[in-house]
């Protein structure tokens, strides 16, 4: 026992020694990461910038300001540690021989504060856009202003007005950081926000006439802990250390767009990113959207006045969050809206706001609507179901609108039914059905989204549709109305005959694998032919229909071709129809030729189709042996399940 205790004690001491050694090594490694030579170079940079800044304050008292700034630039240039010192509109940019960057920030742009001018958060009229694609997925906003003490007059208005407007779409400003709170560490924590509003000063490096970088001036004063943590980026100039002599005193860190993307994970975020600082659409800042899951970035192509920066900030979010409209305005809609100008003249230079990324980005309206089968195995969506059995479904909606209405269409020809978001649905017959639920705002009846699911009842599947089709023995084709067909001399069918549908006689099918052909001869000895091929699953058909033998007066000859024309759901075991909505027909027709023969034998050739007045194109396969009588489908019941909570 004594030996066992001694062994255990020895093992404990070895472990403690190992941990102590590991900790000591970590401290040593940290020291090595910031060597004494590097710390000395860092201290010399800060000392030189403090010295020249103090001298500049003295020179301002006795010299013309431009002469004083030129003298400060020469002081930097004469230092052996400096390779280049450049005067720009914000101060002096300094490149050090060791790779670090710094300089003096003397003043912000001389902004026209216009404190008597009210901001314009919302215009009278909003253009509605219909092409919605994405919606900010984080319902929270981050607001940062590293120059709050200078711009508080505007920043507080931006915060208050945006807070009020964004509440309409369920977005709140959850964090609001000012001045020294806008630290380097804080700028590594930008993930999981739907809106990022980043304001302050932008610095064009090294000067406006030759820009290689645009840096964002943080509010954090240089300190040993942060400098040690980010030393690898400081020593290579990725984080310049700039002495500020304007709205705040002290040396501050600057960051680049590369810093933002390398320290944040935006892959799962759809973001509205507002770059509220000068030159924010230059120097690589727009490229940060390449790291977004989706979204857009807004910025300025030059130095911007505080008033315009704040006004565009408020106006964009106000108009895009206006839920009194029937449809959400997206970003492209706001950019194209002329009620608030997107540029202004600044001393002869046009300064504009731009965006890059997803112009279809919206704050609301592109609601997430999902239709889910609640059965454990996904029946009857992922697996065929049975006729007469009730299956539970639920519609899940992501929206700021609380009072919603759900209209269910089970796809069997029965009338849609208004119910809750959770229902039981029964189909009375085997077949393929398209289940659809439309979601509306109950307060105004506006549709905010819909979802669909394909349902199989009975022995369904790809082979079943092929089997049904190959059992069909007749095919029928129709296209029209004929008064949508245009001919030479500006004539339409109405000019020469009573309009109706162009119809192919019901013809007997001959099958050859998935290919088919059908021919019918009319009483007038006119020949109608249809030749085509089915897709491997039977859900689309490609065909050409021709009508020949119409070389007599008052008659037409036609040739119609279409590709990958989709099946119309539902179908049954005797009839399968292929058709689409009228506004989609043009997308499938590949060939249409025709002519008309007058009494005198003259021929007028077809020249085009008036697609706006084209109402239908359908091809119907029938099994006339089985289809001895027509039976209407029973209306399926939609009942609210007792065990599903309505929301």
Foldseek 3Di string as FASTA:
>chain_A
DVVVVVVVVVVVVVVVVVVVVVVVVVVVVLCVLCDPVNVVVVVVVQVLQVVLVVVLVVCVVPHDNVVSLVVSQVSLVPDPQWDHWDQAPQGIWTQGPLQFIEGAGEEAPPFDLPLVDDFDQEFPDFDFDDDADAAWPQQEEEAEEQLCLPQVSLVVVLQVLLQVLSVLWNHHHPYYYYQQRQALVVLLPPERHAEYHYAYAWDFPPYDVDGQAIWGWGRHADDDVVCSVCVVCRSNHQWHWYAYNYSDGHTTTIHGLVSNLVRYQQLPTAYEYEYLYFCCVDGCNQVSCVRHVFYKYKDKNGGDHSSLSSNCSSRQSNQQSPPVDLAGQFQLSVCPDPSDDQWDADPNDIMGMDMDTDRSYGNFLLKDKDKAWPPPVRPQFVPAAAAPDWTKMFIDIDTPQDAKWKWKDFAQPDHIDIDFRIKIWGFHDFWKGKIKIWMARVVPRRTRDMDITIGGYDPDDLVLLVVLQVLFFKKKKKWDFQQQWAWPPGDGVVVQDDTDIDIAPIFTWDDDPQKIKTWDADPVRKIKIKTWGADSSRFFIWIKIWIDDQQAASDKTKIWTWPRFGWDPIDDSFKTKTWDFLLCPVVTTDDMWMWHAHNVSDIITTDDGNSVRIGIIMMMTGRCVPPPDDDRTDDMDMGHDPPDDGD
